[in-house]
Structures are given as C-alpha cells and as structure tokens.
C-alpha cells in the first residue's frame, strides 16, 4: 500500500468512525448517563469488535454476504430490531445518578458483538475492504486496514462519550435528561433509516 493510499485510508477511518451513527449515539448517551470512566469498556468493545468484523470481511465474509442477498436482509432485521431495543432502553434511562445495579453501560463483549448487527459497521467494513485492499498484497493490505481502523476508531468514538460526560451537569435536571434521552433514542432510530435502505 502506498503512502498516499494509507493516508487516504486513515482519513476515511477517521471520518467514518467519528460521524454520527449507532455506536456514537449510544456512546454519547452512555457518557451522559454513566460518565466516561464507566463507558470505557463500551468504547473498547466497539474498537475490538469492529476490528474483528473488518478482518472477517477481509477474509471473505463480505463476498459471501454479497453472493447470498437474503443474508443482508437477515442482518438488517437483526440489527434493526436490536437497535430499536437499544433506543427504547436509552429513551427510558433513569436520571444521571442512578442506583447501583438499576442501570449500566454496555459491556465490552456486548459492544463487540453489537458490531455484527450494526448496519453502519457493515457498510464501513465492506467499503474499506473494497477501496483499500486492491493495491499490492491483499492479505497485508487487509491487516493494514484493520490496524488503521482500530488505531483511529477508539479515539474517534471516545470523543462522543467524553462530550456526553461534559453534558452531565446540564442534564442533571430530570426533565432535560428525559428530553435528551428521548432525542438520542430518536436519533438512533433515524440513523438506521439510510443504512437499511442500502
């Protein structure tokens, strides 16, 4: 992979990772409701899970899915259903100071597994592998793409959780928090719309 292609890959990784989507909306809401420290496992899970998904797509899973169009429908239904469930959980989240055990942020393994039903993650993975692995040694380029995304993805998505934590004081008012949580839930549902149409 040439330096110009690698720099383009890094830019693509950053833009696709930092723009609004299901992961970032959930991290922002988690930052508000639980704080940055408790949201770290969620952010790490996203970076790890997406890296594994990228590797699987690079190893041929993306081609297999393209050959069987019904598998895309299954992914859309599973992903959409799970995201609607998460939107409902966000909309009904309690106040910022929740009782221990009453609510919790997404765990590492849950965030990692979520990437497999996240429509935006699939679009990003297939787009990255299609655009950045054609030049030179394919298997090396797959490794470079995975490395680039894992390195760029974690700080990019963590920005959202950090910003959420900054909003905690302002959202400590139960009415404002309720409006915020419902707004984030609606944004999560809205983020599904263009992806599910692909």
C-alpha atoms as a PDB file:
ATOM      1  CA  UNK A   1       0.000   0.000   0.000  1.00  0.00           C
ATOM      2  CA  UNK A   2       1.419   3.374  -0.989  1.00  0.00           C
ATOM      3  CA  UNK A   3       1.770   6.218   1.491  1.00  0.00           C
ATOM      4  CA  UNK A   4      -0.904   8.231  -0.339  1.00  0.00           C
ATOM      5  CA  UNK A   5      -3.338   5.304  -0.119  1.00  0.00           C
ATOM      6  CA  UNK A   6      -2.515   4.789   3.562  1.00  0.00           C
ATOM      7  CA  UNK A   7      -3.150   8.479   4.345  1.00  0.00           C
ATOM      8  CA  UNK A   8      -6.429   8.274   2.452  1.00  0.00           C
ATOM      9  CA  UNK A   9      -7.320   5.160   4.489  1.00  0.00           C
ATOM     10  CA  UNK A  10      -6.573   6.990   7.753  1.00  0.00           C
ATOM     11  CA  UNK A  11      -8.775   9.903   6.684  1.00  0.00           C
ATOM     12  CA  UNK A  12     -11.570   7.502   5.698  1.00  0.00           C
ATOM     13  CA  UNK A  13     -11.197   5.674   9.023  1.00  0.00           C
ATOM     14  CA  UNK A  14     -11.480   8.912  10.983  1.00  0.00           C
ATOM     15  CA  UNK A  15     -14.418  10.366   9.073  1.00  0.00           C
ATOM     16  CA  UNK A  16     -16.425   7.128   9.064  1.00  0.00           C
ATOM     17  CA  UNK A  17     -15.659   6.486  12.756  1.00  0.00           C
ATOM     18  CA  UNK A  18     -16.353   9.979  14.117  1.00  0.00           C
ATOM     19  CA  UNK A  19     -19.541  10.781  12.183  1.00  0.00           C
ATOM     20  CA  UNK A  20     -22.915  10.112  13.827  1.00  0.00           C
ATOM     21  CA  UNK A  21     -24.096   6.540  13.778  1.00  0.00           C
ATOM     22  CA  UNK A  22     -25.447   3.937  16.187  1.00  0.00           C
ATOM     23  CA  UNK A  23     -22.162   3.472  18.077  1.00  0.00           C
ATOM     24  CA  UNK A  24     -21.533   7.175  18.579  1.00  0.00           C
ATOM     25  CA  UNK A  25     -25.085   7.995  19.580  1.00  0.00           C
ATOM     26  CA  UNK A  26     -25.037   5.210  22.183  1.00  0.00           C
ATOM     27  CA  UNK A  27     -21.614   6.329  23.482  1.00  0.00           C
ATOM     28  CA  UNK A  28     -22.806   9.914  23.813  1.00  0.00           C
ATOM     29  CA  UNK A  29     -25.881   8.773  25.756  1.00  0.00           C
ATOM     30  CA  UNK A  30     -23.723   6.479  27.905  1.00  0.00           C
ATOM     31  CA  UNK A  31     -21.316   9.332  28.646  1.00  0.00           C
ATOM     32  CA  UNK A  32     -24.242  11.436  29.857  1.00  0.00           C
ATOM     33  CA  UNK A  33     -25.887   8.700  31.887  1.00  0.00           C
ATOM     34  CA  UNK A  34     -22.838   6.875  33.284  1.00  0.00           C
ATOM     35  CA  UNK A  35     -19.766   9.061  32.737  1.00  0.00           C
ATOM     36  CA  UNK A  36     -16.646   8.448  30.691  1.00  0.00           C
ATOM     37  CA  UNK A  37     -14.926   6.027  33.078  1.00  0.00           C
ATOM     38  CA  UNK A  38     -17.870   3.614  33.158  1.00  0.00           C
ATOM     39  CA  UNK A  39     -18.227   3.935  29.358  1.00  0.00           C
ATOM     40  CA  UNK A  40     -14.615   2.865  28.582  1.00  0.00           C
ATOM     41  CA  UNK A  41     -15.496  -0.847  28.168  1.00  0.00           C
ATOM     42  CA  UNK A  42     -18.195   0.116  25.670  1.00  0.00           C
ATOM     43  CA  UNK A  43     -15.708   2.170  23.600  1.00  0.00           C
ATOM     44  CA  UNK A  44     -13.019  -0.556  23.756  1.00  0.00           C
ATOM     45  CA  UNK A  45     -15.625  -3.139  22.740  1.00  0.00           C
ATOM     46  CA  UNK A  46     -16.534  -1.115  19.663  1.00  0.00           C
ATOM     47  CA  UNK A  47     -12.906  -0.822  18.530  1.00  0.00           C
ATOM     48  CA  UNK A  48     -12.200  -4.516  19.161  1.00  0.00           C
ATOM     49  CA  UNK A  49     -15.456  -5.797  17.673  1.00  0.00           C
ATOM     50  CA  UNK A  50     -15.153  -3.645  14.584  1.00  0.00           C
ATOM     51  CA  UNK A  51     -11.551  -4.786  14.088  1.00  0.00           C
ATOM     52  CA  UNK A  52     -12.692  -8.418  14.175  1.00  0.00           C
ATOM     53  CA  UNK A  53     -15.557  -7.657  11.777  1.00  0.00           C
ATOM     54  CA  UNK A  54     -13.144  -5.926   9.385  1.00  0.00           C
ATOM     55  CA  UNK A  55     -10.806  -8.908   9.475  1.00  0.00           C
ATOM     56  CA  UNK A  56     -13.691 -11.279   8.756  1.00  0.00           C
ATOM     57  CA  UNK A  57     -14.889  -9.158   5.838  1.00  0.00           C
ATOM     58  CA  UNK A  58     -11.337  -9.023   4.515  1.00  0.00           C
ATOM     59  CA  UNK A  59     -11.089 -12.803   4.829  1.00  0.00           C
ATOM     60  CA  UNK A  60     -14.067 -13.220   2.513  1.00  0.00           C
ATOM     61  CA  UNK A  61     -17.199 -12.806   4.584  1.00  0.00           C
ATOM     62  CA  UNK A  62     -18.169  -9.682   2.627  1.00  0.00           C
ATOM     63  CA  UNK A  63     -18.042 -11.607  -0.667  1.00  0.00           C
ATOM     64  CA  UNK A  64     -20.111 -14.423   0.838  1.00  0.00           C
ATOM     65  CA  UNK A  65     -22.761 -11.962   2.000  1.00  0.00           C
ATOM     66  CA  UNK A  66     -22.875 -10.345  -1.453  1.00  0.00           C
ATOM     67  CA  UNK A  67     -23.451 -13.790  -3.020  1.00  0.00           C
ATOM     68  CA  UNK A  68     -26.401 -14.500  -0.712  1.00  0.00           C
ATOM     69  CA  UNK A  69     -28.675 -11.433  -0.714  1.00  0.00           C
ATOM     70  CA  UNK A  70     -31.002 -12.998   1.891  1.00  0.00           C
ATOM     71  CA  UNK A  71     -28.173 -12.764   4.423  1.00  0.00           C
ATOM     72  CA  UNK A  72     -28.257  -8.955   4.048  1.00  0.00           C
ATOM     73  CA  UNK A  73     -31.952  -8.983   4.913  1.00  0.00           C
ATOM     74  CA  UNK A  74     -31.288 -11.141   7.976  1.00  0.00           C
ATOM     75  CA  UNK A  75     -28.548  -8.727   9.120  1.00  0.00           C
ATOM     76  CA  UNK A  76     -30.843  -5.748   8.578  1.00  0.00           C
ATOM     77  CA  UNK A  77     -33.696  -7.332  10.540  1.00  0.00           C
ATOM     78  CA  UNK A  78     -31.478  -8.474  13.424  1.00  0.00           C
ATOM     79  CA  UNK A  79     -29.544  -5.210  13.524  1.00  0.00           C
ATOM     80  CA  UNK A  80     -32.622  -3.037  13.201  1.00  0.00           C
ATOM     81  CA  UNK A  81     -34.508  -4.958  15.880  1.00  0.00           C
ATOM     82  CA  UNK A  82     -31.627  -4.785  18.324  1.00  0.00           C
ATOM     83  CA  UNK A  83     -31.111  -1.081  17.668  1.00  0.00           C
ATOM     84  CA  UNK A  84     -34.806  -0.409  18.299  1.00  0.00           C
ATOM     85  CA  UNK A  85     -34.459  -2.255  21.616  1.00  0.00           C
ATOM     86  CA  UNK A  86     -31.403  -0.141  22.498  1.00  0.00           C
ATOM     87  CA  UNK A  87     -33.275   3.035  21.525  1.00  0.00           C
ATOM     88  CA  UNK A  88     -36.079   2.042  23.896  1.00  0.00           C
ATOM     89  CA  UNK A  89     -33.526   1.452  26.683  1.00  0.00           C
ATOM     90  CA  UNK A  90     -31.915   4.858  26.064  1.00  0.00           C
ATOM     91  CA  UNK A  91     -35.284   6.638  25.974  1.00  0.00           C
ATOM     92  CA  UNK A  92     -36.216   5.101  29.320  1.00  0.00           C
ATOM     93  CA  UNK A  93     -32.843   5.541  31.042  1.00  0.00           C
ATOM     94  CA  UNK A  94     -33.043   6.922  34.554  1.00  0.00           C
ATOM     95  CA  UNK A  95     -31.516  10.084  35.969  1.00  0.00           C
ATOM     96  CA  UNK A  96     -27.761  10.697  35.837  1.00  0.00           C
ATOM     97  CA  UNK A  97     -27.281   9.489  39.414  1.00  0.00           C
ATOM     98  CA  UNK A  98     -28.743   6.030  39.028  1.00  0.00           C
ATOM     99  CA  UNK A  99     -28.818   3.458  41.796  1.00  0.00           C
ATOM    100  CA  UNK A 100     -26.100   0.837  41.515  1.00  0.00           C
ATOM    101  CA  UNK A 101     -27.413  -2.102  39.542  1.00  0.00           C
ATOM    102  CA  UNK A 102     -30.512  -0.234  38.330  1.00  0.00           C
ATOM    103  CA  UNK A 103     -28.871   0.612  35.000  1.00  0.00           C
ATOM    104  CA  UNK A 104     -25.465   0.082  33.469  1.00  0.00           C
ATOM    105  CA  UNK A 105     -23.495   0.971  30.369  1.00  0.00           C
ATOM    106  CA  UNK A 106     -22.943  -1.551  27.615  1.00  0.00           C
ATOM    107  CA  UNK A 107     -20.272  -4.123  28.498  1.00  0.00           C
ATOM    108  CA  UNK A 108     -17.144  -4.789  26.400  1.00  0.00           C
ATOM    109  CA  UNK A 109     -18.420  -8.034  24.905  1.00  0.00           C
ATOM    110  CA  UNK A 110     -21.873  -6.565  24.215  1.00  0.00           C
ATOM    111  CA  UNK A 111     -20.343  -3.640  22.306  1.00  0.00           C
ATOM    112  CA  UNK A 112     -18.027  -6.005  20.407  1.00  0.00           C
ATOM    113  CA  UNK A 113     -20.901  -8.300  19.431  1.00  0.00           C
ATOM    114  CA  UNK A 114     -23.102  -5.345  18.510  1.00  0.00           C
ATOM    115  CA  UNK A 115     -20.780  -4.589  15.573  1.00  0.00           C
ATOM    116  CA  UNK A 116     -22.037  -7.756  13.867  1.00  0.00           C
ATOM    117  CA  UNK A 117     -25.605  -6.410  13.757  1.00  0.00           C
ATOM    118  CA  UNK A 118     -24.714  -2.737  13.272  1.00  0.00           C
ATOM    119  CA  UNK A 119     -25.612  -1.820   9.674  1.00  0.00           C
ATOM    120  CA  UNK A 120     -23.221   1.160   9.611  1.00  0.00           C
ATOM    121  CA  UNK A 121     -20.333  -1.093  10.711  1.00  0.00           C
ATOM    122  CA  UNK A 122     -21.027  -3.476   7.822  1.00  0.00           C
ATOM    123  CA  UNK A 123     -21.175  -0.647   5.298  1.00  0.00           C
ATOM    124  CA  UNK A 124     -17.900   0.774   6.657  1.00  0.00           C
ATOM    125  CA  UNK A 125     -16.181  -2.632   6.655  1.00  0.00           C
ATOM    126  CA  UNK A 126     -17.201  -3.598   3.136  1.00  0.00           C
ATOM    127  CA  UNK A 127     -16.401  -0.113   1.792  1.00  0.00           C
ATOM    128  CA  UNK A 128     -12.953  -0.084   3.428  1.00  0.00           C
ATOM    129  CA  UNK A 129     -12.009  -3.547   2.208  1.00  0.00           C
ATOM    130  CA  UNK A 130     -13.257  -2.819  -1.302  1.00  0.00           C
ATOM    131  CA  UNK A 131     -11.475   0.524  -1.575  1.00  0.00           C
ATOM    132  CA  UNK A 132      -8.147  -0.146   0.176  1.00  0.00           C
ATOM    133  CA  UNK A 133      -7.109  -3.749  -0.470  1.00  0.00           C
ATOM    134  CA  UNK A 134      -6.848  -3.813  -4.263  1.00  0.00           C
ATOM    135  CA  UNK A 135      -3.317  -2.370  -4.420  1.00  0.00           C
ATOM    136  CA  UNK A 136      -0.460  -4.830  -3.775  1.00  0.00           C
ATOM    137  CA  UNK A 137      -0.504  -7.840  -1.429  1.00  0.00           C
ATOM    138  CA  UNK A 138      -4.135  -8.428  -0.437  1.00  0.00           C
ATOM    139  CA  UNK A 139      -3.550 -10.108   2.939  1.00  0.00           C
ATOM    140  CA  UNK A 140      -1.048  -7.439   4.017  1.00  0.00           C
ATOM    141  CA  UNK A 141      -3.492  -4.718   2.994  1.00  0.00           C
ATOM    142  CA  UNK A 142      -6.289  -6.376   4.990  1.00  0.00           C
ATOM    143  CA  UNK A 143      -4.009  -6.230   8.041  1.00  0.00           C
ATOM    144  CA  UNK A 144      -3.201  -2.568   7.364  1.00  0.00           C
ATOM    145  CA  UNK A 145      -6.895  -1.681   7.046  1.00  0.00           C
ATOM    146  CA  UNK A 146      -7.718  -3.449  10.328  1.00  0.00           C
ATOM    147  CA  UNK A 147      -4.772  -1.773  12.073  1.00  0.00           C
ATOM    148  CA  UNK A 148      -5.717   1.689  10.751  1.00  0.00           C
ATOM    149  CA  UNK A 149      -9.328   1.377  11.876  1.00  0.00           C
ATOM    150  CA  UNK A 150      -8.529   0.018  15.333  1.00  0.00           C
ATOM    151  CA  UNK A 151      -5.996   2.803  15.946  1.00  0.00           C
ATOM    152  CA  UNK A 152      -8.280   5.563  14.653  1.00  0.00           C
ATOM    153  CA  UNK A 153     -11.650   4.180  15.756  1.00  0.00           C
ATOM    154  CA  UNK A 154     -11.116   4.116  19.511  1.00  0.00           C
ATOM    155  CA  UNK A 155     -10.165   7.798  19.993  1.00  0.00           C
ATOM    156  CA  UNK A 156     -12.792   8.853  17.431  1.00  0.00           C
ATOM    157  CA  UNK A 157     -15.684   7.161  19.197  1.00  0.00           C
ATOM    158  CA  UNK A 158     -14.397   8.119  22.656  1.00  0.00           C
ATOM    159  CA  UNK A 159     -14.874  11.789  21.731  1.00  0.00           C
ATOM    160  CA  UNK A 160     -18.614  11.156  21.837  1.00  0.00           C
ATOM    161  CA  UNK A 161     -18.540   9.605  25.318  1.00  0.00           C
ATOM    162  CA  UNK A 162     -16.322  12.437  26.619  1.00  0.00           C
ATOM    163  CA  UNK A 163     -18.688  15.047  25.228  1.00  0.00           C
ATOM    164  CA  UNK A 164     -21.568  13.193  26.852  1.00  0.00           C
ATOM    165  CA  UNK A 165     -19.828  13.382  30.218  1.00  0.00           C
ATOM    166  CA  UNK A 166     -19.320  17.139  29.735  1.00  0.00           C
ATOM    167  CA  UNK A 167     -23.095  17.455  29.330  1.00  0.00           C
ATOM    168  CA  UNK A 168     -23.873  15.620  32.606  1.00  0.00           C
ATOM    169  CA  UNK A 169     -24.222  18.701  34.810  1.00  0.00           C
ATOM    170  CA  UNK A 170     -26.539  20.463  32.399  1.00  0.00           C
ATOM    171  CA  UNK A 171     -28.558  17.262  32.039  1.00  0.00           C
ATOM    172  CA  UNK A 172     -28.784  16.619  35.779  1.00  0.00           C
ATOM    173  CA  UNK A 173     -32.256  18.172  35.630  1.00  0.00           C
ATOM    174  CA  UNK A 174     -34.628  15.187  35.190  1.00  0.00           C
ATOM    175  CA  UNK A 175     -36.782  16.989  32.586  1.00  0.00           C
ATOM    176  CA  UNK A 176     -33.806  17.945  30.424  1.00  0.00           C
ATOM    177  CA  UNK A 177     -32.358  14.431  30.791  1.00  0.00           C
ATOM    178  CA  UNK A 178     -35.658  12.872  29.734  1.00  0.00           C
ATOM    179  CA  UNK A 179     -35.822  15.106  26.650  1.00  0.00           C
ATOM    180  CA  UNK A 180     -32.179  14.306  25.878  1.00  0.00           C
ATOM    181  CA  UNK A 181     -32.648  10.538  26.229  1.00  0.00           C
ATOM    182  CA  UNK A 182     -35.743  10.535  24.034  1.00  0.00           C
ATOM    183  CA  UNK A 183     -33.872  12.684  21.488  1.00  0.00           C
ATOM    184  CA  UNK A 184     -30.919  10.279  21.481  1.00  0.00           C
ATOM    185  CA  UNK A 185     -33.276   7.324  21.078  1.00  0.00           C
ATOM    186  CA  UNK A 186     -34.939   9.022  18.099  1.00  0.00           C
ATOM    187  CA  UNK A 187     -31.515   9.854  16.625  1.00  0.00           C
ATOM    188  CA  UNK A 188     -30.509   6.199  16.970  1.00  0.00           C
ATOM    189  CA  UNK A 189     -33.667   5.105  15.155  1.00  0.00           C
ATOM    190  CA  UNK A 190     -33.110   7.802  12.498  1.00  0.00           C
ATOM    191  CA  UNK A 191     -29.522   6.587  11.975  1.00  0.00           C
ATOM    192  CA  UNK A 192     -30.984   3.262  10.847  1.00  0.00           C
ATOM    193  CA  UNK A 193     -33.044   4.720   8.033  1.00  0.00           C
ATOM    194  CA  UNK A 194     -30.439   5.461   5.341  1.00  0.00           C
ATOM    195  CA  UNK A 195     -28.390   2.361   6.187  1.00  0.00           C
ATOM    196  CA  UNK A 196     -31.340  -0.019   5.994  1.00  0.00           C
ATOM    197  CA  UNK A 197     -32.232   1.302   2.559  1.00  0.00           C
ATOM    198  CA  UNK A 198     -28.871   0.152   1.118  1.00  0.00           C
END
